[in-house]
C-alpha cells in the first residue's frame, strides 16, 4: 500500500513538472511568415525517398518541387493564428493556401501540346517530399521523352504574384 501511495506521489510530481508554461504565449497570436517568392526544383521520385536531382529522370517519377521564399515579418495580408500550432504543422502553410497554382510547359510537352501551354491538369499535389521542399506536384501524364522545362506560377486574386522556372531536365 505504501509503495502504491509513493508511486502515485512520484507520478503526480512528474506530471506537474511536464505542465506547459502558459506565460510562453500559447494564447498569444502567432504571426505566420509571409510568402515573398518561390524557387522550383526537379525531384526524382523513383527511389525509396524522393530527392532533388539534375540527372535524367524517368518521366513517370518526376515531381516539380517548390521551395517557398518567406520572411517572418508581418504584413497587412497576414492572418493571425490564435490557436496553438501543433507538432508537425507548418505555420506558413496557411499563407500559401491563398494562392492558385499553375504549371506551364516551356518546351513542347508532346506532339499535341506546344510550349507555353498550361499543363496543370497533368500534375497532382503530393506531400511526400524532400525535407527542404515545401510543395510538390507529381507528373501524372508522361510527356514525350527528351529535355523539358516547366514554370510554376502562383496567383493571388487572379494576379500573377510569383513564378519560377525549373532547370532543364531530361526525361527517359
N, C-alpha and C. Protein backbone atom coordinates (compact mmCIF):
# COMPACT_ATOMS: atom_id res chain seq x y z
N UNK A 1 0.81 -1.19 0.00
CA UNK A 1 0.00 0.00 0.00
C UNK A 1 0.87 1.26 0.00
N UNK A 2 1.94 1.26 0.83
CA UNK A 2 2.84 2.41 0.88
C UNK A 2 3.53 2.63 -0.46
N UNK A 3 3.87 1.53 -1.14
CA UNK A 3 4.51 1.65 -2.44
C UNK A 3 3.56 2.28 -3.45
N UNK A 4 2.31 1.92 -3.36
CA UNK A 4 1.31 2.47 -4.28
C UNK A 4 1.16 3.97 -4.07
N UNK A 5 1.11 4.40 -2.80
CA UNK A 5 0.99 5.83 -2.49
C UNK A 5 2.24 6.56 -2.95
N UNK A 6 3.41 5.97 -2.70
CA UNK A 6 4.66 6.60 -3.12
C UNK A 6 4.72 6.72 -4.65
N UNK A 7 4.27 5.68 -5.35
CA UNK A 7 4.26 5.70 -6.81
C UNK A 7 3.31 6.79 -7.32
N UNK A 8 2.16 6.96 -6.69
CA UNK A 8 1.20 7.98 -7.10
C UNK A 8 1.76 9.38 -6.86
N UNK A 9 2.47 9.59 -5.73
CA UNK A 9 3.07 10.88 -5.44
C UNK A 9 4.16 11.19 -6.46
N UNK A 10 4.99 10.20 -6.80
CA UNK A 10 6.03 10.40 -7.80
C UNK A 10 5.42 10.70 -9.17
N UNK A 11 4.36 10.00 -9.53
CA UNK A 11 3.69 10.22 -10.81
C UNK A 11 3.08 11.63 -10.86
N UNK A 12 2.48 12.07 -9.77
CA UNK A 12 1.90 13.42 -9.71
C UNK A 12 3.00 14.48 -9.82
N UNK A 13 4.13 14.25 -9.17
CA UNK A 13 5.25 15.20 -9.25
C UNK A 13 5.80 15.25 -10.67
N UNK A 14 5.90 14.10 -11.30
CA UNK A 14 6.40 14.05 -12.67
C UNK A 14 5.45 14.77 -13.61
N UNK A 15 4.16 14.54 -13.48
CA UNK A 15 3.19 15.19 -14.36
C UNK A 15 3.12 16.70 -14.13
N UNK A 16 3.28 17.13 -12.91
CA UNK A 16 3.24 18.58 -12.66
C UNK A 16 4.47 19.27 -13.24
N UNK A 17 5.58 18.55 -13.35
CA UNK A 17 6.79 19.09 -13.97
C UNK A 17 6.68 19.19 -15.48
N UNK A 18 5.72 18.50 -16.08
CA UNK A 18 5.54 18.50 -17.53
C UNK A 18 4.52 19.52 -17.99
N UNK A 19 4.02 20.34 -17.11
CA UNK A 19 3.00 21.31 -17.45
C UNK A 19 3.53 22.36 -18.44
N UNK A 20 2.70 22.77 -19.37
CA UNK A 20 3.08 23.79 -20.35
C UNK A 20 3.07 25.15 -19.66
N UNK A 21 4.10 25.94 -19.91
CA UNK A 21 4.20 27.29 -19.36
C UNK A 21 3.31 28.22 -20.17
N UNK A 22 2.17 28.60 -19.60
CA UNK A 22 1.26 29.50 -20.32
C UNK A 22 1.81 30.90 -20.46
N UNK A 23 2.81 31.24 -19.72
CA UNK A 23 3.43 32.56 -19.86
C UNK A 23 4.20 32.67 -21.17
N UNK A 24 4.47 31.52 -21.82
CA UNK A 24 5.21 31.50 -23.07
C UNK A 24 4.39 31.89 -24.28
N UNK A 25 3.09 32.03 -24.13
CA UNK A 25 2.31 32.57 -25.21
C UNK A 25 1.43 31.61 -25.98
N UNK A 26 0.97 30.51 -25.41
CA UNK A 26 0.06 29.64 -26.14
C UNK A 26 -1.19 30.38 -26.55
N UNK A 27 -1.61 31.32 -25.75
CA UNK A 27 -2.84 32.05 -26.06
C UNK A 27 -2.58 33.35 -26.81
N UNK A 28 -1.32 33.69 -27.00
CA UNK A 28 -0.99 34.89 -27.75
C UNK A 28 -0.99 34.55 -29.24
N UNK A 29 -1.35 35.50 -30.11
CA UNK A 29 -1.38 35.19 -31.54
C UNK A 29 0.02 34.94 -32.09
N UNK A 30 0.10 33.99 -33.02
CA UNK A 30 1.34 33.73 -33.73
C UNK A 30 1.26 34.44 -35.07
N UNK A 31 2.37 34.96 -35.54
CA UNK A 31 2.39 35.64 -36.83
C UNK A 31 3.01 34.69 -37.84
N UNK A 32 2.22 34.23 -38.83
CA UNK A 32 2.81 33.35 -39.83
C UNK A 32 3.78 34.10 -40.72
N UNK A 33 4.67 33.37 -41.33
CA UNK A 33 5.61 34.02 -42.23
C UNK A 33 4.88 34.45 -43.49
N UNK A 34 5.42 35.45 -44.16
CA UNK A 34 4.84 35.96 -45.39
C UNK A 34 5.59 35.37 -46.57
N UNK A 35 4.86 34.91 -47.56
CA UNK A 35 5.46 34.36 -48.76
C UNK A 35 5.97 35.52 -49.61
N UNK A 36 7.27 35.48 -49.94
CA UNK A 36 7.90 36.55 -50.72
C UNK A 36 8.31 36.10 -52.11
N UNK A 37 8.28 34.79 -52.37
CA UNK A 37 8.67 34.27 -53.67
C UNK A 37 8.73 32.76 -53.63
N UNK A 38 9.05 32.17 -54.78
CA UNK A 38 9.18 30.72 -54.88
C UNK A 38 10.42 30.36 -55.68
N UNK A 39 10.90 29.16 -55.45
CA UNK A 39 12.02 28.60 -56.23
C UNK A 39 11.64 27.17 -56.57
N UNK A 40 11.80 26.78 -57.84
CA UNK A 40 11.45 25.43 -58.25
C UNK A 40 12.67 24.53 -58.31
N UNK A 41 12.43 23.25 -58.08
CA UNK A 41 13.47 22.23 -58.19
C UNK A 41 12.87 21.00 -58.87
N UNK A 42 13.72 20.22 -59.51
CA UNK A 42 13.31 18.95 -60.11
C UNK A 42 13.52 17.85 -59.08
N UNK A 43 12.51 17.01 -58.91
CA UNK A 43 12.59 15.94 -57.93
C UNK A 43 12.42 14.59 -58.62
N UNK A 44 13.31 13.66 -58.27
CA UNK A 44 13.23 12.28 -58.75
C UNK A 44 12.53 11.47 -57.66
N UNK A 45 11.36 10.94 -57.97
CA UNK A 45 10.55 10.20 -57.01
C UNK A 45 10.60 8.70 -57.29
N UNK A 46 11.68 8.22 -57.91
CA UNK A 46 11.75 6.82 -58.31
C UNK A 46 12.29 5.90 -57.23
N UNK A 47 13.00 6.42 -56.28
CA UNK A 47 13.60 5.57 -55.25
C UNK A 47 12.74 5.49 -54.00
N UNK A 48 13.35 5.02 -52.92
CA UNK A 48 12.63 4.91 -51.65
C UNK A 48 12.27 6.28 -51.11
N UNK A 49 13.18 7.24 -51.30
CA UNK A 49 12.94 8.60 -50.83
C UNK A 49 13.08 9.56 -52.01
N UNK A 50 12.16 10.51 -52.16
CA UNK A 50 12.31 11.49 -53.25
C UNK A 50 13.54 12.36 -52.99
N UNK A 51 14.20 12.78 -54.11
CA UNK A 51 15.39 13.61 -53.94
C UNK A 51 15.46 14.63 -55.07
N UNK A 52 16.02 15.78 -54.74
CA UNK A 52 16.25 16.83 -55.74
C UNK A 52 17.32 16.31 -56.68
N UNK A 53 17.11 16.50 -58.00
CA UNK A 53 18.03 15.90 -58.96
C UNK A 53 18.22 16.78 -60.18
N UNK A 54 19.43 16.73 -60.72
CA UNK A 54 19.73 17.36 -62.01
C UNK A 54 19.99 16.29 -63.06
N UNK A 55 20.05 15.03 -62.63
CA UNK A 55 20.28 13.91 -63.54
C UNK A 55 18.99 13.55 -64.27
N UNK A 56 19.09 12.87 -65.40
CA UNK A 56 17.87 12.43 -66.10
C UNK A 56 16.95 11.65 -65.17
N UNK A 57 15.64 11.83 -65.36
CA UNK A 57 14.61 11.24 -64.50
C UNK A 57 13.63 10.46 -65.37
N UNK A 58 13.19 9.31 -64.84
CA UNK A 58 12.11 8.59 -65.52
C UNK A 58 10.89 9.50 -65.52
N UNK A 59 10.28 9.68 -66.67
CA UNK A 59 9.16 10.62 -66.76
C UNK A 59 8.01 10.24 -65.84
N UNK A 60 7.89 8.97 -65.49
CA UNK A 60 6.83 8.53 -64.57
C UNK A 60 7.15 8.87 -63.12
N UNK A 61 8.36 9.31 -62.83
CA UNK A 61 8.78 9.57 -61.44
C UNK A 61 9.11 11.04 -61.22
N UNK A 62 8.65 11.92 -62.09
CA UNK A 62 9.03 13.33 -62.00
C UNK A 62 8.07 14.12 -61.10
N UNK A 63 8.64 15.01 -60.30
CA UNK A 63 7.88 15.92 -59.44
C UNK A 63 8.49 17.31 -59.56
N UNK A 64 7.63 18.33 -59.75
CA UNK A 64 8.09 19.72 -59.66
C UNK A 64 8.03 20.08 -58.18
N UNK A 65 9.16 20.43 -57.61
CA UNK A 65 9.21 20.84 -56.22
C UNK A 65 9.24 22.35 -56.11
N UNK A 66 8.63 22.88 -55.06
CA UNK A 66 8.61 24.32 -54.83
C UNK A 66 9.12 24.59 -53.42
N UNK A 67 10.14 25.44 -53.38
CA UNK A 67 10.65 25.94 -52.10
C UNK A 67 10.10 27.35 -51.94
N UNK A 68 9.52 27.62 -50.79
CA UNK A 68 8.97 28.95 -50.54
C UNK A 68 10.05 29.88 -50.02
N UNK A 69 10.10 31.07 -50.56
CA UNK A 69 10.98 32.12 -50.04
C UNK A 69 10.08 32.97 -49.17
N UNK A 70 10.39 33.02 -47.90
CA UNK A 70 9.48 33.66 -46.96
C UNK A 70 10.27 34.49 -45.95
N UNK A 71 9.55 35.35 -45.28
CA UNK A 71 10.14 36.04 -44.12
C UNK A 71 9.10 36.12 -43.04
N UNK A 72 9.56 36.29 -41.82
CA UNK A 72 8.63 36.24 -40.70
C UNK A 72 8.18 37.62 -40.24
N UNK A 73 8.33 38.62 -41.08
CA UNK A 73 7.83 39.94 -40.73
C UNK A 73 6.36 40.03 -41.10
N UNK A 74 5.51 40.52 -40.22
CA UNK A 74 4.09 40.58 -40.53
C UNK A 74 3.80 41.58 -41.64
N UNK A 75 2.80 41.26 -42.43
CA UNK A 75 2.33 42.19 -43.46
C UNK A 75 0.84 42.42 -43.23
N UNK A 76 0.26 43.35 -43.94
CA UNK A 76 -1.16 43.66 -43.76
C UNK A 76 -2.05 42.50 -44.17
N UNK A 77 -1.56 41.61 -45.04
CA UNK A 77 -2.37 40.49 -45.52
C UNK A 77 -2.27 39.25 -44.65
N UNK A 78 -1.37 39.23 -43.66
CA UNK A 78 -1.21 38.05 -42.83
C UNK A 78 -2.45 37.79 -42.00
N UNK A 79 -2.74 36.50 -41.80
CA UNK A 79 -3.81 36.11 -40.89
C UNK A 79 -3.16 35.71 -39.58
N UNK A 80 -3.73 36.12 -38.49
CA UNK A 80 -3.16 35.81 -37.20
C UNK A 80 -3.78 34.52 -36.67
N UNK A 81 -2.94 33.65 -36.16
CA UNK A 81 -3.39 32.36 -35.65
C UNK A 81 -3.51 32.50 -34.14
N UNK A 82 -4.67 32.18 -33.60
CA UNK A 82 -4.84 32.28 -32.16
C UNK A 82 -4.84 30.92 -31.49
N UNK A 83 -4.91 29.85 -32.25
CA UNK A 83 -4.84 28.50 -31.69
C UNK A 83 -3.39 28.07 -31.62
N UNK A 84 -3.07 27.14 -30.73
CA UNK A 84 -1.68 26.66 -30.68
C UNK A 84 -1.32 25.91 -31.95
N UNK A 85 -0.09 26.05 -32.37
CA UNK A 85 0.42 25.31 -33.52
C UNK A 85 0.87 23.96 -32.99
N UNK A 86 0.31 22.90 -33.53
CA UNK A 86 0.62 21.56 -33.06
C UNK A 86 1.87 21.03 -33.76
N UNK A 87 2.51 20.06 -33.14
CA UNK A 87 3.73 19.47 -33.68
C UNK A 87 3.47 18.99 -35.09
N UNK A 88 4.39 19.31 -36.02
CA UNK A 88 4.30 18.83 -37.39
C UNK A 88 3.56 19.77 -38.32
N UNK A 89 2.91 20.80 -37.81
CA UNK A 89 2.20 21.73 -38.68
C UNK A 89 3.15 22.82 -39.13
N UNK A 90 2.98 23.30 -40.34
CA UNK A 90 3.80 24.39 -40.84
C UNK A 90 3.02 25.68 -40.67
N UNK A 91 3.60 26.64 -39.97
CA UNK A 91 2.91 27.90 -39.74
C UNK A 91 2.55 28.59 -41.05
N UNK A 92 3.45 28.56 -42.01
CA UNK A 92 3.25 29.32 -43.21
C UNK A 92 2.38 28.62 -44.23
N UNK A 93 1.97 27.40 -43.97
CA UNK A 93 1.08 26.72 -44.89
C UNK A 93 -0.21 27.49 -45.10
N UNK A 94 -0.67 28.18 -44.08
CA UNK A 94 -1.91 28.93 -44.19
C UNK A 94 -1.76 30.09 -45.17
N UNK A 95 -0.64 30.73 -45.20
CA UNK A 95 -0.43 31.85 -46.11
C UNK A 95 -0.39 31.36 -47.54
N UNK A 96 0.31 30.27 -47.81
CA UNK A 96 0.44 29.76 -49.18
C UNK A 96 -0.87 29.17 -49.70
N UNK A 97 -1.78 28.78 -48.82
CA UNK A 97 -3.05 28.21 -49.27
C UNK A 97 -3.91 29.21 -50.02
N UNK A 98 -3.65 30.48 -49.89
CA UNK A 98 -4.45 31.51 -50.57
C UNK A 98 -4.11 31.64 -52.04
N UNK A 99 -3.08 30.98 -52.49
CA UNK A 99 -2.61 31.13 -53.86
C UNK A 99 -3.17 30.02 -54.76
N UNK A 100 -3.51 30.39 -55.98
CA UNK A 100 -3.82 29.40 -57.01
C UNK A 100 -2.52 29.11 -57.73
N UNK A 101 -2.33 27.85 -58.13
CA UNK A 101 -1.08 27.45 -58.76
C UNK A 101 -1.32 27.02 -60.20
N UNK A 102 -0.30 27.19 -61.00
CA UNK A 102 -0.38 26.80 -62.40
C UNK A 102 0.98 26.29 -62.83
N UNK A 103 0.98 25.23 -63.65
CA UNK A 103 2.22 24.70 -64.21
C UNK A 103 2.16 24.91 -65.72
N UNK A 104 3.18 25.58 -66.26
CA UNK A 104 3.26 25.86 -67.69
C UNK A 104 4.48 25.13 -68.25
N UNK A 105 4.30 24.43 -69.38
CA UNK A 105 5.46 23.79 -70.01
C UNK A 105 6.18 24.81 -70.88
N UNK A 106 7.47 24.87 -70.76
CA UNK A 106 8.27 25.82 -71.52
C UNK A 106 8.89 25.18 -72.75
N UNK A 107 8.72 23.88 -72.87
CA UNK A 107 9.16 23.11 -74.03
C UNK A 107 7.94 22.33 -74.50
N UNK A 108 7.92 21.86 -75.74
CA UNK A 108 6.76 21.07 -76.17
C UNK A 108 6.56 19.86 -75.26
N UNK A 109 5.35 19.70 -74.75
CA UNK A 109 5.02 18.59 -73.85
C UNK A 109 4.94 17.29 -74.64
N UNK A 110 4.24 17.36 -75.75
CA UNK A 110 4.15 16.25 -76.70
C UNK A 110 3.71 16.84 -78.04
N UNK A 111 3.39 15.99 -78.99
CA UNK A 111 3.04 16.48 -80.33
C UNK A 111 1.78 17.35 -80.33
N UNK A 112 0.89 17.14 -79.36
CA UNK A 112 -0.38 17.88 -79.30
C UNK A 112 -0.34 19.10 -78.39
N UNK A 113 0.65 19.19 -77.51
CA UNK A 113 0.70 20.28 -76.53
C UNK A 113 1.99 21.06 -76.74
N UNK A 114 1.88 22.27 -77.31
CA UNK A 114 3.09 23.06 -77.61
C UNK A 114 3.65 23.75 -76.36
N UNK A 115 4.85 24.25 -76.50
CA UNK A 115 5.49 25.04 -75.43
C UNK A 115 4.60 26.23 -75.10
N UNK A 116 4.58 26.61 -73.85
CA UNK A 116 3.76 27.74 -73.40
C UNK A 116 2.37 27.34 -72.95
N UNK A 117 2.04 26.07 -73.01
CA UNK A 117 0.71 25.60 -72.62
C UNK A 117 0.62 25.37 -71.12
N UNK A 118 -0.57 25.58 -70.58
CA UNK A 118 -0.84 25.27 -69.18
C UNK A 118 -1.06 23.77 -69.08
N UNK A 119 -0.22 23.10 -68.30
CA UNK A 119 -0.32 21.65 -68.15
C UNK A 119 -0.64 21.25 -66.70
N UNK A 120 -1.25 22.15 -65.96
CA UNK A 120 -1.57 21.91 -64.55
C UNK A 120 -2.40 20.64 -64.35
N UNK A 121 -3.30 20.36 -65.29
CA UNK A 121 -4.17 19.19 -65.12
C UNK A 121 -3.40 17.88 -65.19
N UNK A 122 -2.16 17.92 -65.63
CA UNK A 122 -1.33 16.72 -65.69
C UNK A 122 -0.46 16.54 -64.45
N UNK A 123 -0.65 17.37 -63.44
CA UNK A 123 0.10 17.30 -62.20
C UNK A 123 -0.84 17.17 -61.02
N UNK A 124 -0.39 16.48 -59.99
CA UNK A 124 -1.17 16.32 -58.76
C UNK A 124 -0.30 16.67 -57.56
N UNK A 125 -0.86 17.44 -56.65
CA UNK A 125 -0.12 17.83 -55.44
C UNK A 125 0.13 16.61 -54.57
N UNK A 126 1.38 16.49 -54.09
CA UNK A 126 1.75 15.39 -53.20
C UNK A 126 2.41 15.96 -51.95
N UNK A 127 2.47 15.14 -50.91
CA UNK A 127 3.04 15.60 -49.65
C UNK A 127 4.37 14.93 -49.30
N UNK A 128 4.70 13.83 -49.94
CA UNK A 128 5.92 13.10 -49.61
C UNK A 128 7.08 13.71 -50.39
N UNK A 129 7.84 14.59 -49.73
CA UNK A 129 8.86 15.40 -50.40
C UNK A 129 10.17 15.41 -49.62
N UNK A 130 11.25 15.82 -50.27
CA UNK A 130 12.49 16.03 -49.52
C UNK A 130 12.26 17.08 -48.43
N UNK A 131 13.04 17.02 -47.40
CA UNK A 131 12.84 17.85 -46.21
C UNK A 131 12.79 19.36 -46.48
N UNK A 132 13.61 19.85 -47.38
CA UNK A 132 13.67 21.30 -47.59
C UNK A 132 12.76 21.79 -48.72
N UNK A 133 11.84 20.95 -49.18
CA UNK A 133 10.89 21.33 -50.23
C UNK A 133 9.51 21.48 -49.59
N UNK A 134 8.84 22.60 -49.86
CA UNK A 134 7.58 22.90 -49.22
C UNK A 134 6.35 22.34 -49.93
N UNK A 135 6.41 22.24 -51.25
CA UNK A 135 5.29 21.74 -52.03
C UNK A 135 5.81 20.93 -53.20
N UNK A 136 5.02 19.95 -53.62
CA UNK A 136 5.42 19.16 -54.77
C UNK A 136 4.24 18.77 -55.62
N UNK A 137 4.47 18.67 -56.93
CA UNK A 137 3.42 18.33 -57.88
C UNK A 137 3.94 17.22 -58.79
N UNK A 138 3.35 16.03 -58.63
CA UNK A 138 3.78 14.85 -59.38
C UNK A 138 3.16 14.85 -60.76
N UNK A 139 3.95 14.48 -61.74
CA UNK A 139 3.51 14.38 -63.12
C UNK A 139 2.66 13.12 -63.27
N UNK A 140 1.43 13.28 -63.75
CA UNK A 140 0.51 12.15 -63.92
C UNK A 140 0.49 11.62 -65.34
N UNK A 141 0.73 12.46 -66.32
CA UNK A 141 0.73 12.08 -67.73
C UNK A 141 2.14 12.30 -68.27
N UNK A 142 2.73 11.25 -68.78
CA UNK A 142 4.11 11.33 -69.24
C UNK A 142 4.21 12.11 -70.55
N UNK A 143 5.07 13.12 -70.59
CA UNK A 143 5.33 13.82 -71.85
C UNK A 143 6.25 12.99 -72.73
N UNK A 144 6.52 13.49 -73.91
CA UNK A 144 7.47 12.80 -74.78
C UNK A 144 8.85 12.76 -74.11
N UNK A 145 9.63 11.71 -74.36
CA UNK A 145 11.00 11.69 -73.83
C UNK A 145 11.78 12.87 -74.37
N UNK A 146 12.78 13.29 -73.64
CA UNK A 146 13.62 14.40 -74.07
C UNK A 146 13.79 15.42 -72.96
N UNK A 147 14.30 16.58 -73.32
CA UNK A 147 14.56 17.65 -72.34
C UNK A 147 13.30 18.50 -72.18
N UNK A 148 12.93 18.76 -70.92
CA UNK A 148 11.74 19.55 -70.62
C UNK A 148 12.05 20.59 -69.56
N UNK A 149 11.27 21.66 -69.58
CA UNK A 149 11.32 22.71 -68.56
C UNK A 149 9.90 23.14 -68.26
N UNK A 150 9.69 23.53 -67.00
CA UNK A 150 8.37 23.98 -66.57
C UNK A 150 8.50 25.29 -65.81
N UNK A 151 7.41 26.03 -65.73
CA UNK A 151 7.35 27.24 -64.91
C UNK A 151 6.18 27.07 -63.94
N UNK A 152 6.47 27.26 -62.68
CA UNK A 152 5.45 27.23 -61.64
C UNK A 152 4.99 28.65 -61.42
N UNK A 153 3.68 28.87 -61.39
CA UNK A 153 3.12 30.21 -61.19
C UNK A 153 2.17 30.20 -60.01
N UNK A 154 2.27 31.24 -59.17
CA UNK A 154 1.37 31.41 -58.04
C UNK A 154 0.56 32.68 -58.29
N UNK A 155 -0.76 32.54 -58.24
CA UNK A 155 -1.68 33.66 -58.47
C UNK A 155 -2.42 33.99 -57.18
N UNK A 156 -2.62 35.26 -56.95
CA UNK A 156 -3.43 35.72 -55.82
C UNK A 156 -4.50 36.66 -56.38
N UNK A 157 -5.75 36.35 -56.14
CA UNK A 157 -6.88 37.14 -56.63
C UNK A 157 -6.79 37.35 -58.14
N UNK A 158 -6.38 36.30 -58.86
CA UNK A 158 -6.31 36.36 -60.31
C UNK A 158 -5.08 37.04 -60.88
N UNK A 159 -4.22 37.58 -60.04
CA UNK A 159 -3.00 38.27 -60.49
C UNK A 159 -1.78 37.39 -60.22
N UNK A 160 -0.89 37.33 -61.21
CA UNK A 160 0.35 36.56 -61.04
C UNK A 160 1.21 37.25 -59.98
N UNK A 161 1.52 36.53 -58.92
CA UNK A 161 2.35 37.07 -57.83
C UNK A 161 3.79 36.59 -57.92
N UNK A 162 3.97 35.26 -58.14
CA UNK A 162 5.30 34.67 -58.17
C UNK A 162 5.37 33.64 -59.28
N UNK A 163 6.54 33.52 -59.88
CA UNK A 163 6.78 32.44 -60.84
C UNK A 163 8.26 32.10 -60.81
N UNK A 164 8.57 30.86 -61.17
CA UNK A 164 9.95 30.41 -61.23
C UNK A 164 10.02 29.24 -62.18
N UNK A 165 11.09 29.19 -62.98
CA UNK A 165 11.27 28.13 -63.96
C UNK A 165 12.20 27.05 -63.43
N UNK A 166 11.89 25.81 -63.78
CA UNK A 166 12.78 24.71 -63.42
C UNK A 166 14.01 24.76 -64.34
N UNK A 167 15.05 24.12 -63.92
CA UNK A 167 16.19 23.92 -64.82
C UNK A 167 15.78 22.83 -65.81
N UNK A 168 16.46 22.77 -66.93
CA UNK A 168 16.14 21.75 -67.93
C UNK A 168 16.40 20.37 -67.34
N UNK A 169 15.48 19.45 -67.58
CA UNK A 169 15.61 18.09 -67.07
C UNK A 169 15.29 17.12 -68.19
N UNK A 170 16.08 16.08 -68.28
CA UNK A 170 15.85 15.07 -69.34
C UNK A 170 14.97 13.96 -68.81
N UNK A 171 13.91 13.66 -69.55
CA UNK A 171 13.03 12.53 -69.23
C UNK A 171 13.38 11.36 -70.14
N UNK A 172 13.37 10.18 -69.56
CA UNK A 172 13.57 8.98 -70.38
C UNK A 172 12.47 7.99 -70.09
